N, C-alpha and C. Protein backbone atom coordinates (compact mmCIF):
# COMPACT_ATOMS: atom_id res chain seq x y z
N MET A 1 54.46 76.27 -35.49
CA MET A 1 53.51 75.68 -34.54
C MET A 1 52.42 74.94 -35.30
N ARG A 2 52.23 73.67 -34.96
CA ARG A 2 51.23 72.87 -35.67
C ARG A 2 49.81 73.23 -35.24
N SER A 3 48.89 73.15 -36.17
CA SER A 3 47.49 73.48 -35.91
C SER A 3 46.81 72.34 -35.16
N LEU A 4 45.61 72.62 -34.65
CA LEU A 4 44.85 71.59 -33.94
C LEU A 4 44.53 70.42 -34.86
N ASP A 5 44.17 70.71 -36.12
CA ASP A 5 43.85 69.64 -37.06
C ASP A 5 45.04 68.71 -37.27
N ALA A 6 46.24 69.27 -37.25
CA ALA A 6 47.44 68.45 -37.44
C ALA A 6 47.75 67.60 -36.22
N LEU A 7 47.28 68.02 -35.06
CA LEU A 7 47.59 67.32 -33.82
C LEU A 7 46.55 66.25 -33.46
N VAL A 8 45.32 66.42 -33.93
CA VAL A 8 44.27 65.44 -33.62
C VAL A 8 44.32 64.32 -34.65
N ASP A 9 44.73 63.15 -34.22
CA ASP A 9 44.89 61.99 -35.09
C ASP A 9 43.63 61.14 -35.01
N THR A 10 42.88 61.09 -36.11
CA THR A 10 41.64 60.31 -36.12
C THR A 10 41.86 58.88 -36.60
N ASP A 11 43.03 58.59 -37.18
CA ASP A 11 43.30 57.25 -37.69
C ASP A 11 43.82 56.31 -36.61
N ASP A 12 44.65 56.82 -35.72
CA ASP A 12 45.25 55.97 -34.69
C ASP A 12 45.29 56.71 -33.35
N PRO A 13 44.13 57.05 -32.80
CA PRO A 13 44.11 57.79 -31.53
C PRO A 13 44.50 56.88 -30.36
N GLY A 14 45.06 57.49 -29.33
CA GLY A 14 45.47 56.71 -28.17
C GLY A 14 44.34 56.39 -27.20
N ILE A 15 43.15 56.95 -27.43
CA ILE A 15 42.08 56.80 -26.45
C ILE A 15 41.65 55.34 -26.31
N SER A 16 41.75 54.54 -27.38
CA SER A 16 41.36 53.13 -27.26
C SER A 16 42.34 52.38 -26.36
N ARG A 17 43.62 52.73 -26.44
CA ARG A 17 44.61 52.08 -25.56
C ARG A 17 44.39 52.51 -24.12
N LEU A 18 44.08 53.79 -23.91
CA LEU A 18 43.82 54.27 -22.56
C LEU A 18 42.59 53.59 -21.97
N ALA A 19 41.56 53.43 -22.76
CA ALA A 19 40.35 52.77 -22.28
C ALA A 19 40.65 51.33 -21.86
N ALA A 20 41.53 50.66 -22.60
CA ALA A 20 41.90 49.29 -22.24
C ALA A 20 42.69 49.27 -20.94
N PHE A 21 43.61 50.22 -20.76
CA PHE A 21 44.36 50.28 -19.50
C PHE A 21 43.40 50.44 -18.32
N ALA A 22 42.43 51.34 -18.47
CA ALA A 22 41.49 51.62 -17.38
C ALA A 22 40.59 50.43 -17.10
N GLU A 23 40.13 49.78 -18.15
CA GLU A 23 39.22 48.64 -17.99
C GLU A 23 39.91 47.47 -17.31
N GLU A 24 41.19 47.28 -17.61
CA GLU A 24 41.93 46.15 -17.06
C GLU A 24 42.53 46.45 -15.69
N SER A 25 42.42 47.67 -15.23
CA SER A 25 43.05 48.06 -13.97
C SER A 25 42.41 47.39 -12.77
N PRO A 26 43.22 46.94 -11.80
CA PRO A 26 42.66 46.41 -10.56
C PRO A 26 42.26 47.52 -9.58
N HIS A 27 42.55 48.76 -9.94
CA HIS A 27 42.24 49.90 -9.09
C HIS A 27 41.04 50.65 -9.65
N ARG A 28 40.44 51.45 -8.83
CA ARG A 28 39.40 52.34 -9.34
C ARG A 28 40.06 53.42 -10.19
N VAL A 29 39.61 53.58 -11.42
CA VAL A 29 40.14 54.59 -12.33
C VAL A 29 38.98 55.43 -12.85
N ASP A 30 39.01 56.72 -12.52
CA ASP A 30 38.01 57.65 -13.04
C ASP A 30 38.65 58.44 -14.17
N VAL A 31 38.20 58.18 -15.41
CA VAL A 31 38.66 58.94 -16.57
C VAL A 31 37.70 60.11 -16.72
N LEU A 32 38.18 61.31 -16.42
CA LEU A 32 37.31 62.47 -16.36
C LEU A 32 37.10 63.07 -17.75
N PRO A 33 35.91 63.60 -18.02
CA PRO A 33 35.68 64.24 -19.31
C PRO A 33 36.48 65.54 -19.42
N PRO A 34 36.95 65.89 -20.61
CA PRO A 34 37.79 67.07 -20.76
C PRO A 34 37.03 68.37 -20.57
N GLY A 35 37.73 69.39 -20.09
CA GLY A 35 37.14 70.70 -19.94
C GLY A 35 37.18 71.49 -21.24
N GLU A 36 36.73 72.73 -21.18
CA GLU A 36 36.64 73.55 -22.38
C GLU A 36 38.02 73.93 -22.93
N GLY A 37 39.04 73.81 -22.12
CA GLY A 37 40.38 74.21 -22.56
C GLY A 37 41.18 73.10 -23.21
N ALA A 38 40.54 72.02 -23.64
CA ALA A 38 41.26 70.88 -24.18
C ALA A 38 42.06 71.25 -25.42
N ALA A 39 41.49 72.03 -26.31
CA ALA A 39 42.20 72.42 -27.53
C ALA A 39 43.42 73.26 -27.20
N ASP A 40 43.27 74.21 -26.29
CA ASP A 40 44.40 75.05 -25.89
C ASP A 40 45.50 74.21 -25.24
N CYS A 41 45.11 73.22 -24.47
CA CYS A 41 46.07 72.35 -23.80
C CYS A 41 46.90 71.58 -24.83
N LEU A 42 46.24 70.99 -25.82
CA LEU A 42 46.95 70.23 -26.83
C LEU A 42 47.84 71.13 -27.69
N LEU A 43 47.35 72.30 -28.02
CA LEU A 43 48.15 73.24 -28.82
C LEU A 43 49.40 73.68 -28.06
N ALA A 44 49.28 73.86 -26.76
CA ALA A 44 50.44 74.27 -25.96
C ALA A 44 51.47 73.15 -25.90
N LEU A 45 51.02 71.90 -25.85
CA LEU A 45 51.94 70.77 -25.75
C LEU A 45 52.57 70.42 -27.09
N GLN A 46 51.82 70.63 -28.19
CA GLN A 46 52.31 70.32 -29.53
C GLN A 46 52.67 68.84 -29.69
N VAL A 47 51.83 67.98 -29.14
CA VAL A 47 51.95 66.54 -29.36
C VAL A 47 50.63 66.05 -29.95
N THR A 48 50.68 64.97 -30.70
CA THR A 48 49.46 64.48 -31.34
C THR A 48 48.70 63.53 -30.41
N THR A 49 47.44 63.33 -30.74
CA THR A 49 46.63 62.41 -29.95
C THR A 49 46.93 60.95 -30.27
N ARG A 50 47.87 60.70 -31.17
CA ARG A 50 48.36 59.34 -31.34
C ARG A 50 49.19 58.95 -30.12
N SER A 51 49.86 59.93 -29.53
CA SER A 51 50.63 59.67 -28.31
C SER A 51 49.69 59.62 -27.12
N MET A 52 50.09 58.89 -26.08
CA MET A 52 49.25 58.79 -24.88
C MET A 52 49.19 60.13 -24.17
N LEU A 53 50.29 60.88 -24.17
CA LEU A 53 50.28 62.20 -23.53
C LEU A 53 49.27 63.10 -24.21
N GLY A 54 49.27 63.11 -25.54
CA GLY A 54 48.31 63.92 -26.27
C GLY A 54 46.88 63.49 -26.03
N THR A 55 46.66 62.19 -25.92
CA THR A 55 45.33 61.66 -25.64
C THR A 55 44.82 62.14 -24.29
N VAL A 56 45.65 62.01 -23.26
CA VAL A 56 45.24 62.43 -21.92
C VAL A 56 45.01 63.93 -21.88
N ALA A 57 45.86 64.69 -22.58
CA ALA A 57 45.77 66.15 -22.56
C ALA A 57 44.56 66.68 -23.30
N TYR A 58 44.09 65.97 -24.30
CA TYR A 58 43.01 66.48 -25.15
C TYR A 58 41.69 65.77 -24.94
N GLN A 59 41.74 64.48 -24.69
CA GLN A 59 40.50 63.70 -24.65
C GLN A 59 40.05 63.32 -23.25
N THR A 60 40.79 63.78 -22.24
CA THR A 60 40.35 63.56 -20.86
C THR A 60 40.56 64.84 -20.04
N GLY A 61 39.82 64.93 -18.98
CA GLY A 61 40.06 66.00 -18.01
C GLY A 61 41.07 65.60 -16.98
N GLY A 62 41.71 64.43 -17.20
CA GLY A 62 42.65 63.86 -16.26
C GLY A 62 42.12 62.54 -15.74
N LEU A 63 42.90 61.87 -14.94
CA LEU A 63 42.51 60.58 -14.37
C LEU A 63 42.74 60.61 -12.87
N LEU A 64 41.79 60.05 -12.13
CA LEU A 64 41.93 59.83 -10.70
C LEU A 64 42.06 58.32 -10.49
N VAL A 65 43.18 57.90 -9.93
CA VAL A 65 43.51 56.48 -9.84
C VAL A 65 43.63 56.05 -8.39
N ALA A 66 43.13 54.86 -8.11
CA ALA A 66 43.23 54.27 -6.77
C ALA A 66 42.59 55.18 -5.73
N ASP A 67 41.29 55.42 -5.90
CA ASP A 67 40.52 56.25 -4.97
C ASP A 67 41.08 57.67 -4.89
N GLY A 68 41.66 58.15 -6.00
CA GLY A 68 42.15 59.52 -6.04
C GLY A 68 43.55 59.70 -5.47
N TRP A 69 44.22 58.59 -5.11
CA TRP A 69 45.59 58.73 -4.59
C TRP A 69 46.49 59.34 -5.66
N LEU A 70 46.39 58.85 -6.89
CA LEU A 70 47.19 59.36 -8.00
C LEU A 70 46.32 60.24 -8.88
N ARG A 71 46.85 61.43 -9.23
CA ARG A 71 46.12 62.36 -10.09
C ARG A 71 46.94 62.59 -11.36
N VAL A 72 46.46 62.08 -12.48
CA VAL A 72 47.13 62.25 -13.76
C VAL A 72 46.49 63.44 -14.46
N LEU A 73 47.28 64.45 -14.78
CA LEU A 73 46.75 65.70 -15.29
C LEU A 73 46.40 65.61 -16.77
N GLY A 74 45.28 66.27 -17.12
CA GLY A 74 44.83 66.32 -18.50
C GLY A 74 44.34 67.72 -18.84
N ALA A 75 43.20 67.79 -19.51
CA ALA A 75 42.65 69.07 -19.95
C ALA A 75 41.87 69.80 -18.88
N GLY A 76 41.81 69.23 -17.69
CA GLY A 76 41.12 69.87 -16.58
C GLY A 76 39.65 69.52 -16.53
N SER A 77 39.12 69.44 -15.32
CA SER A 77 37.70 69.17 -15.10
C SER A 77 37.38 69.65 -13.69
N PRO A 78 36.09 69.79 -13.34
CA PRO A 78 35.76 70.21 -11.98
C PRO A 78 36.38 69.30 -10.91
N ALA A 79 36.52 68.01 -11.20
CA ALA A 79 37.08 67.08 -10.22
C ALA A 79 38.60 67.14 -10.16
N LEU A 80 39.24 67.70 -11.20
CA LEU A 80 40.69 67.82 -11.26
C LEU A 80 41.01 69.08 -12.07
N PRO A 81 40.91 70.24 -11.44
CA PRO A 81 40.95 71.51 -12.19
C PRO A 81 42.32 71.93 -12.70
N ARG A 82 43.39 71.29 -12.27
CA ARG A 82 44.72 71.71 -12.72
C ARG A 82 44.97 71.21 -14.14
N ARG A 83 44.88 72.12 -15.11
CA ARG A 83 45.09 71.76 -16.51
C ARG A 83 46.58 71.61 -16.79
N LEU A 84 46.92 70.61 -17.56
CA LEU A 84 48.31 70.23 -17.78
C LEU A 84 49.19 71.41 -18.23
N ASP A 85 48.73 72.18 -19.21
CA ASP A 85 49.56 73.27 -19.71
C ASP A 85 49.64 74.43 -18.73
N ALA A 86 48.51 74.79 -18.13
CA ALA A 86 48.48 75.92 -17.20
C ALA A 86 49.27 75.61 -15.93
N TRP A 87 49.12 74.41 -15.40
CA TRP A 87 49.84 74.02 -14.19
C TRP A 87 51.35 74.08 -14.41
N ASN A 88 51.79 73.71 -15.61
CA ASN A 88 53.21 73.72 -15.92
C ASN A 88 53.74 75.10 -16.31
N GLY A 89 52.83 76.05 -16.54
CA GLY A 89 53.28 77.38 -16.94
C GLY A 89 53.80 77.44 -18.36
N LEU A 90 53.25 76.60 -19.26
CA LEU A 90 53.69 76.63 -20.64
C LEU A 90 53.35 77.97 -21.26
N GLY A 91 54.31 78.55 -21.94
CA GLY A 91 54.11 79.87 -22.52
C GLY A 91 54.40 80.99 -21.54
N ALA A 92 54.79 80.64 -20.33
CA ALA A 92 55.09 81.65 -19.30
C ALA A 92 56.30 81.14 -18.52
N GLU A 93 56.31 81.36 -17.21
CA GLU A 93 57.40 80.86 -16.39
C GLU A 93 57.13 79.41 -16.03
N ARG A 94 58.03 78.51 -16.45
CA ARG A 94 57.83 77.09 -16.22
C ARG A 94 57.91 76.77 -14.74
N ARG A 95 56.98 75.92 -14.28
CA ARG A 95 57.00 75.50 -12.88
C ARG A 95 58.18 74.58 -12.60
N HIS A 96 58.48 73.72 -13.57
CA HIS A 96 59.59 72.77 -13.40
C HIS A 96 60.44 72.83 -14.66
N ALA A 97 61.60 73.43 -14.55
CA ALA A 97 62.44 73.66 -15.71
C ALA A 97 62.93 72.37 -16.36
N GLY A 98 63.04 71.31 -15.58
CA GLY A 98 63.60 70.07 -16.10
C GLY A 98 62.64 69.20 -16.88
N GLY A 99 61.36 69.51 -16.87
CA GLY A 99 60.42 68.65 -17.56
C GLY A 99 58.99 69.13 -17.43
N LEU A 100 58.07 68.23 -17.71
CA LEU A 100 56.64 68.52 -17.69
C LEU A 100 56.00 67.74 -16.56
N LEU A 101 55.42 68.44 -15.58
CA LEU A 101 54.75 67.77 -14.47
C LEU A 101 53.45 67.15 -14.98
N VAL A 102 53.38 65.82 -14.96
CA VAL A 102 52.25 65.13 -15.57
C VAL A 102 51.30 64.51 -14.55
N ALA A 103 51.74 64.39 -13.29
CA ALA A 103 50.88 63.77 -12.28
C ALA A 103 51.45 64.07 -10.89
N ASP A 104 50.62 63.85 -9.89
CA ASP A 104 51.08 63.94 -8.50
C ASP A 104 50.22 63.02 -7.66
N ASP A 105 50.59 62.86 -6.41
CA ASP A 105 49.83 61.94 -5.57
C ASP A 105 49.46 62.59 -4.24
N ALA A 106 48.56 61.95 -3.54
CA ALA A 106 48.04 62.49 -2.29
C ALA A 106 49.11 62.57 -1.21
N GLY A 107 50.17 61.77 -1.35
CA GLY A 107 51.23 61.76 -0.36
C GLY A 107 52.27 62.84 -0.54
N GLY A 108 52.13 63.68 -1.57
CA GLY A 108 53.08 64.76 -1.79
C GLY A 108 54.14 64.47 -2.82
N GLY A 109 54.00 63.40 -3.58
CA GLY A 109 54.95 63.07 -4.63
C GLY A 109 54.53 63.67 -5.96
N PHE A 110 55.50 63.86 -6.87
CA PHE A 110 55.24 64.46 -8.17
C PHE A 110 55.92 63.65 -9.27
N PHE A 111 55.25 63.55 -10.42
CA PHE A 111 55.79 62.86 -11.58
C PHE A 111 56.05 63.88 -12.68
N SER A 112 57.21 63.74 -13.32
CA SER A 112 57.58 64.64 -14.40
C SER A 112 58.08 63.84 -15.59
N TRP A 113 57.58 64.21 -16.78
CA TRP A 113 58.16 63.69 -18.01
C TRP A 113 59.38 64.53 -18.30
N GLN A 114 60.57 63.90 -18.25
CA GLN A 114 61.83 64.62 -18.36
C GLN A 114 62.24 64.77 -19.82
N ALA A 115 62.52 65.99 -20.23
CA ALA A 115 62.84 66.27 -21.63
C ALA A 115 64.14 65.62 -22.07
N ASP A 116 65.12 65.53 -21.17
CA ASP A 116 66.42 65.00 -21.57
C ASP A 116 66.41 63.49 -21.76
N THR A 117 65.72 62.78 -20.90
CA THR A 117 65.69 61.31 -20.99
C THR A 117 64.45 60.78 -21.69
N ARG A 118 63.42 61.63 -21.84
CA ARG A 118 62.13 61.24 -22.41
C ARG A 118 61.49 60.11 -21.61
N THR A 119 61.76 60.12 -20.31
CA THR A 119 61.16 59.17 -19.40
C THR A 119 60.50 59.93 -18.25
N VAL A 120 59.68 59.22 -17.49
CA VAL A 120 58.99 59.83 -16.35
C VAL A 120 59.83 59.61 -15.09
N ALA A 121 60.01 60.68 -14.33
CA ALA A 121 60.74 60.61 -13.06
C ALA A 121 59.78 60.95 -11.92
N TYR A 122 60.10 60.46 -10.73
CA TYR A 122 59.26 60.68 -9.55
C TYR A 122 60.03 61.48 -8.52
N PHE A 123 59.44 62.58 -8.06
CA PHE A 123 60.01 63.35 -6.97
C PHE A 123 59.43 62.79 -5.68
N ALA A 124 60.27 62.07 -4.94
CA ALA A 124 59.81 61.32 -3.77
C ALA A 124 59.86 62.15 -2.51
N PRO A 125 58.77 62.23 -1.75
CA PRO A 125 58.77 63.04 -0.52
C PRO A 125 59.67 62.49 0.58
N ASP A 126 60.06 61.22 0.46
CA ASP A 126 60.92 60.64 1.52
C ASP A 126 62.41 60.79 1.20
N THR A 127 62.74 61.30 0.00
CA THR A 127 64.14 61.54 -0.34
C THR A 127 64.38 62.96 -0.85
N LEU A 128 63.33 63.62 -1.32
CA LEU A 128 63.41 64.94 -1.96
C LEU A 128 64.36 64.90 -3.17
N GLU A 129 64.33 63.78 -3.88
CA GLU A 129 65.15 63.63 -5.07
C GLU A 129 64.30 63.06 -6.20
N TRP A 130 64.71 63.38 -7.44
CA TRP A 130 64.05 62.83 -8.62
C TRP A 130 64.59 61.43 -8.88
N GLU A 131 63.69 60.47 -9.02
CA GLU A 131 64.06 59.09 -9.28
C GLU A 131 63.48 58.67 -10.63
N ASP A 132 64.34 58.31 -11.55
CA ASP A 132 63.93 57.96 -12.91
C ASP A 132 63.24 56.60 -12.92
N THR A 133 62.01 56.55 -13.44
CA THR A 133 61.32 55.26 -13.56
C THR A 133 61.83 54.46 -14.75
N ARG A 134 62.58 55.12 -15.66
CA ARG A 134 63.09 54.51 -16.89
C ARG A 134 61.96 54.07 -17.82
N LEU A 135 60.80 54.69 -17.68
CA LEU A 135 59.65 54.37 -18.51
C LEU A 135 59.19 55.62 -19.25
N GLY A 136 58.87 55.47 -20.52
CA GLY A 136 58.23 56.54 -21.26
C GLY A 136 56.82 56.78 -20.72
N TYR A 137 56.18 57.84 -21.18
CA TYR A 137 54.89 58.23 -20.60
C TYR A 137 53.85 57.11 -20.70
N GLU A 138 53.69 56.50 -21.86
CA GLU A 138 52.64 55.48 -22.01
C GLU A 138 52.94 54.25 -21.16
N ASP A 139 54.18 53.80 -21.16
CA ASP A 139 54.52 52.63 -20.34
C ASP A 139 54.35 52.95 -18.85
N TRP A 140 54.72 54.16 -18.46
CA TRP A 140 54.54 54.58 -17.07
C TRP A 140 53.06 54.57 -16.69
N LEU A 141 52.22 55.13 -17.56
CA LEU A 141 50.79 55.19 -17.25
C LEU A 141 50.19 53.80 -17.16
N ARG A 142 50.59 52.91 -18.05
CA ARG A 142 50.07 51.54 -18.00
C ARG A 142 50.45 50.88 -16.67
N GLU A 143 51.67 51.11 -16.19
CA GLU A 143 52.07 50.52 -14.91
C GLU A 143 51.32 51.14 -13.74
N MET A 144 51.12 52.46 -13.78
CA MET A 144 50.43 53.12 -12.68
C MET A 144 48.95 52.72 -12.61
N LEU A 145 48.39 52.33 -13.72
CA LEU A 145 47.01 51.86 -13.73
C LEU A 145 46.93 50.36 -13.45
N GLY A 146 48.07 49.70 -13.41
CA GLY A 146 48.09 48.26 -13.23
C GLY A 146 48.58 47.84 -11.85
N PRO A 147 48.82 46.55 -11.65
CA PRO A 147 49.30 46.03 -10.36
C PRO A 147 50.59 46.66 -9.86
N PRO A 148 51.54 47.11 -10.72
CA PRO A 148 52.79 47.68 -10.21
C PRO A 148 52.61 48.90 -9.31
N LEU A 149 51.45 49.56 -9.37
CA LEU A 149 51.24 50.72 -8.51
C LEU A 149 51.42 50.37 -7.04
N LEU A 150 50.97 49.20 -6.63
CA LEU A 150 51.06 48.80 -5.23
C LEU A 150 52.52 48.69 -4.79
N ALA A 151 53.35 48.07 -5.63
CA ALA A 151 54.77 47.94 -5.29
C ALA A 151 55.46 49.29 -5.31
N PHE A 152 55.05 50.15 -6.24
CA PHE A 152 55.69 51.47 -6.35
C PHE A 152 55.51 52.26 -5.05
N TYR A 153 54.34 52.17 -4.45
CA TYR A 153 54.06 52.95 -3.24
C TYR A 153 54.32 52.18 -1.95
N ASP A 154 54.92 51.01 -2.06
CA ASP A 154 55.25 50.26 -0.85
C ASP A 154 56.21 51.08 0.01
N GLY A 155 55.86 51.31 1.25
CA GLY A 155 56.67 52.11 2.15
C GLY A 155 56.26 53.57 2.20
N LEU A 156 55.52 54.03 1.20
CA LEU A 156 55.07 55.42 1.19
C LEU A 156 53.64 55.56 1.70
N ARG A 157 52.95 54.40 1.83
CA ARG A 157 51.59 54.42 2.37
C ARG A 157 51.56 53.55 3.62
N TRP A 158 50.50 53.63 4.35
CA TRP A 158 50.42 52.95 5.64
C TRP A 158 48.99 52.46 5.84
N ASP A 159 48.80 51.58 6.82
CA ASP A 159 47.45 51.11 7.14
C ASP A 159 46.59 52.31 7.54
N GLY A 160 45.48 52.46 6.87
CA GLY A 160 44.60 53.58 7.18
C GLY A 160 44.80 54.79 6.30
N TRP A 161 45.68 54.71 5.29
CA TRP A 161 45.91 55.86 4.43
C TRP A 161 44.65 56.28 3.67
N ARG A 162 43.79 55.32 3.38
CA ARG A 162 42.58 55.64 2.61
C ARG A 162 41.68 56.62 3.35
N PHE A 163 41.67 56.55 4.69
CA PHE A 163 40.79 57.45 5.45
C PHE A 163 41.22 58.90 5.27
N LEU A 164 42.51 59.17 5.42
CA LEU A 164 42.98 60.54 5.24
C LEU A 164 42.87 60.96 3.78
N ALA A 165 43.17 60.06 2.86
CA ALA A 165 43.08 60.39 1.44
C ALA A 165 41.65 60.75 1.05
N SER A 166 40.68 60.14 1.72
CA SER A 166 39.28 60.42 1.39
C SER A 166 38.87 61.85 1.76
N GLU A 167 39.65 62.49 2.64
CA GLU A 167 39.34 63.86 3.04
C GLU A 167 39.97 64.89 2.09
N LEU A 168 40.83 64.43 1.20
CA LEU A 168 41.53 65.32 0.28
C LEU A 168 40.68 65.63 -0.95
N THR A 169 40.88 66.82 -1.50
CA THR A 169 40.44 67.09 -2.86
C THR A 169 41.64 66.85 -3.77
N SER A 170 41.43 66.86 -5.08
CA SER A 170 42.53 66.64 -6.01
C SER A 170 43.49 67.81 -6.05
N SER A 171 43.15 68.91 -5.38
CA SER A 171 44.02 70.09 -5.32
C SER A 171 44.78 70.17 -4.00
N GLN A 172 44.75 69.09 -3.22
CA GLN A 172 45.44 69.06 -1.93
C GLN A 172 46.39 67.87 -1.86
N ALA A 173 47.35 67.97 -0.95
CA ALA A 173 48.27 66.87 -0.68
C ALA A 173 48.47 66.77 0.82
N MET A 174 48.96 65.63 1.26
CA MET A 174 49.24 65.45 2.68
C MET A 174 50.54 66.16 3.06
N PHE A 175 50.52 66.72 4.25
CA PHE A 175 51.70 67.37 4.81
C PHE A 175 52.10 66.60 6.06
N PHE A 176 53.39 66.26 6.16
CA PHE A 176 53.88 65.48 7.28
C PHE A 176 54.87 66.29 8.10
N TYR A 177 54.76 66.17 9.40
CA TYR A 177 55.76 66.78 10.27
C TYR A 177 56.05 65.82 11.42
N PRO A 178 57.32 65.44 11.62
CA PRO A 178 58.50 65.84 10.84
C PRO A 178 58.38 65.37 9.38
N PRO A 179 59.07 66.07 8.44
CA PRO A 179 59.00 65.70 7.03
C PRO A 179 59.46 64.27 6.78
N ARG A 180 58.96 63.66 5.70
CA ARG A 180 59.24 62.26 5.42
C ARG A 180 60.72 61.98 5.18
N PHE A 181 61.48 62.98 4.70
CA PHE A 181 62.88 62.72 4.37
C PHE A 181 63.80 62.72 5.58
N THR A 182 63.29 63.13 6.74
CA THR A 182 64.10 63.13 7.96
C THR A 182 64.01 61.78 8.65
N GLU A 183 64.98 61.50 9.48
CA GLU A 183 64.98 60.24 10.22
C GLU A 183 63.75 60.15 11.11
N GLU A 184 63.38 61.27 11.73
CA GLU A 184 62.22 61.29 12.63
C GLU A 184 60.91 61.10 11.88
N GLY A 185 60.90 61.42 10.58
CA GLY A 185 59.66 61.35 9.82
C GLY A 185 59.49 60.10 8.99
N ARG A 186 60.37 59.11 9.21
CA ARG A 186 60.30 57.89 8.41
C ARG A 186 58.99 57.13 8.62
N ASP A 187 58.45 57.20 9.81
CA ASP A 187 57.21 56.47 10.12
C ASP A 187 56.04 57.44 9.99
N PRO A 188 55.24 57.34 8.93
CA PRO A 188 54.15 58.29 8.74
C PRO A 188 53.06 58.17 9.80
N ILE A 189 52.97 57.02 10.44
CA ILE A 189 51.93 56.85 11.47
C ILE A 189 52.24 57.71 12.68
N GLU A 190 53.53 57.88 12.98
CA GLU A 190 53.94 58.66 14.15
C GLU A 190 54.03 60.16 13.85
N SER A 191 53.87 60.55 12.59
CA SER A 191 54.01 61.95 12.20
C SER A 191 52.67 62.67 12.27
N TYR A 192 52.75 63.99 12.39
CA TYR A 192 51.55 64.80 12.23
C TYR A 192 51.21 64.84 10.75
N ARG A 193 49.95 64.62 10.41
CA ARG A 193 49.53 64.61 9.03
C ARG A 193 48.43 65.65 8.83
N GLY A 194 48.73 66.64 7.99
CA GLY A 194 47.76 67.66 7.67
C GLY A 194 47.55 67.73 6.17
N LEU A 195 46.74 68.68 5.72
CA LEU A 195 46.43 68.84 4.31
C LEU A 195 46.85 70.24 3.86
N VAL A 196 47.51 70.32 2.69
CA VAL A 196 47.93 71.61 2.15
C VAL A 196 47.60 71.63 0.66
N PRO A 197 47.50 72.83 0.05
CA PRO A 197 47.32 72.89 -1.41
C PRO A 197 48.50 72.25 -2.13
N VAL A 198 48.24 71.65 -3.28
CA VAL A 198 49.31 71.02 -4.05
C VAL A 198 50.40 72.02 -4.38
N GLU A 199 50.02 73.26 -4.71
CA GLU A 199 51.03 74.29 -5.01
C GLU A 199 52.00 74.48 -3.85
N GLU A 200 51.46 74.51 -2.64
CA GLU A 200 52.31 74.69 -1.47
C GLU A 200 53.20 73.48 -1.25
N SER A 201 52.65 72.28 -1.45
CA SER A 201 53.43 71.06 -1.30
C SER A 201 54.63 71.08 -2.25
N TRP A 202 54.39 71.47 -3.50
CA TRP A 202 55.46 71.53 -4.49
C TRP A 202 56.51 72.57 -4.10
N GLU A 203 56.08 73.77 -3.79
CA GLU A 203 57.01 74.86 -3.52
C GLU A 203 57.86 74.59 -2.28
N VAL A 204 57.24 74.12 -1.20
CA VAL A 204 57.98 73.87 0.03
C VAL A 204 59.01 72.76 -0.18
N GLN A 205 58.60 71.67 -0.84
CA GLN A 205 59.53 70.57 -1.03
C GLN A 205 60.68 70.93 -1.97
N GLN A 206 60.37 71.71 -3.01
CA GLN A 206 61.45 72.13 -3.91
C GLN A 206 62.44 73.05 -3.20
N ASP A 207 61.93 73.92 -2.33
CA ASP A 207 62.80 74.80 -1.57
C ASP A 207 63.68 73.99 -0.62
N LEU A 208 63.10 73.00 0.05
CA LEU A 208 63.88 72.15 0.94
C LEU A 208 64.94 71.36 0.17
N ALA A 209 64.57 70.87 -1.01
CA ALA A 209 65.53 70.12 -1.82
C ALA A 209 66.71 71.00 -2.23
N ARG A 210 66.43 72.26 -2.58
CA ARG A 210 67.52 73.18 -2.93
C ARG A 210 68.43 73.44 -1.74
N GLN A 211 67.83 73.62 -0.57
CA GLN A 211 68.63 73.86 0.63
C GLN A 211 69.53 72.66 0.95
N LEU A 212 68.97 71.46 0.82
CA LEU A 212 69.77 70.26 1.09
C LEU A 212 70.92 70.13 0.09
N ALA A 213 70.63 70.41 -1.20
CA ALA A 213 71.66 70.32 -2.22
C ALA A 213 72.77 71.34 -1.97
N GLU A 214 72.38 72.56 -1.60
CA GLU A 214 73.37 73.59 -1.31
C GLU A 214 74.21 73.20 -0.10
N GLY A 215 73.57 72.61 0.90
CA GLY A 215 74.30 72.18 2.09
C GLY A 215 75.33 71.09 1.76
N ARG A 216 74.92 70.13 0.92
CA ARG A 216 75.85 69.06 0.53
C ARG A 216 77.02 69.63 -0.28
N ALA A 217 76.71 70.58 -1.17
CA ALA A 217 77.76 71.19 -1.99
C ALA A 217 78.76 71.95 -1.13
N ALA A 218 78.24 72.66 -0.12
CA ALA A 218 79.13 73.43 0.77
C ALA A 218 80.03 72.50 1.57
N ARG A 219 79.49 71.37 2.03
CA ARG A 219 80.29 70.44 2.82
C ARG A 219 81.36 69.76 1.98
N SER A 220 80.99 69.44 0.72
CA SER A 220 81.96 68.77 -0.14
C SER A 220 83.01 69.72 -0.69
N GLY A 221 82.68 71.04 -0.72
CA GLY A 221 83.63 72.03 -1.23
C GLY A 221 84.62 72.43 -0.19
């Protein structure tokens, strides 16, 4: 296990690149100051601050993007208390066996850095499936802070979404009924929209995804 000194790169840190992404962003980007657990977070991840993931994990408390619609996890802060390592259960029972959950959004979607492909995938609430962005963490973050964010969420947001999003904390997500993946739930304007803890949003959707997969397997078998 590498020490903190070995992981903190003072010659080529990623924070300057992150600052440029945020400054050039057409969206509001709040780069939060890191919490007291920043060192523990970086040690748990075992990546250097030369990487963008290491930079976000150690030198920020996370990022709130586009009026808080997107929450990029870091070392934790009062405004975004879910610390990257603790939220993922590193050193304990992993929350997501297939990768590292690096961000989520107010609409109930989740982003994971996938260990097998080394790219970021999106768990979409309207399909309950992981969709590979084919982008590594730094390229993904640059796109999410840039104009491509609007195209990415086309169809997942609606006129007036900012009003409901403004009522959320970074520890909550929107809940839709009927669910977005059903035919009846395709139109979010016609659905009931409530607020639930992010933990509940993750657990309920993962359980539904397993049930759907089991149902498809039974029908095909």
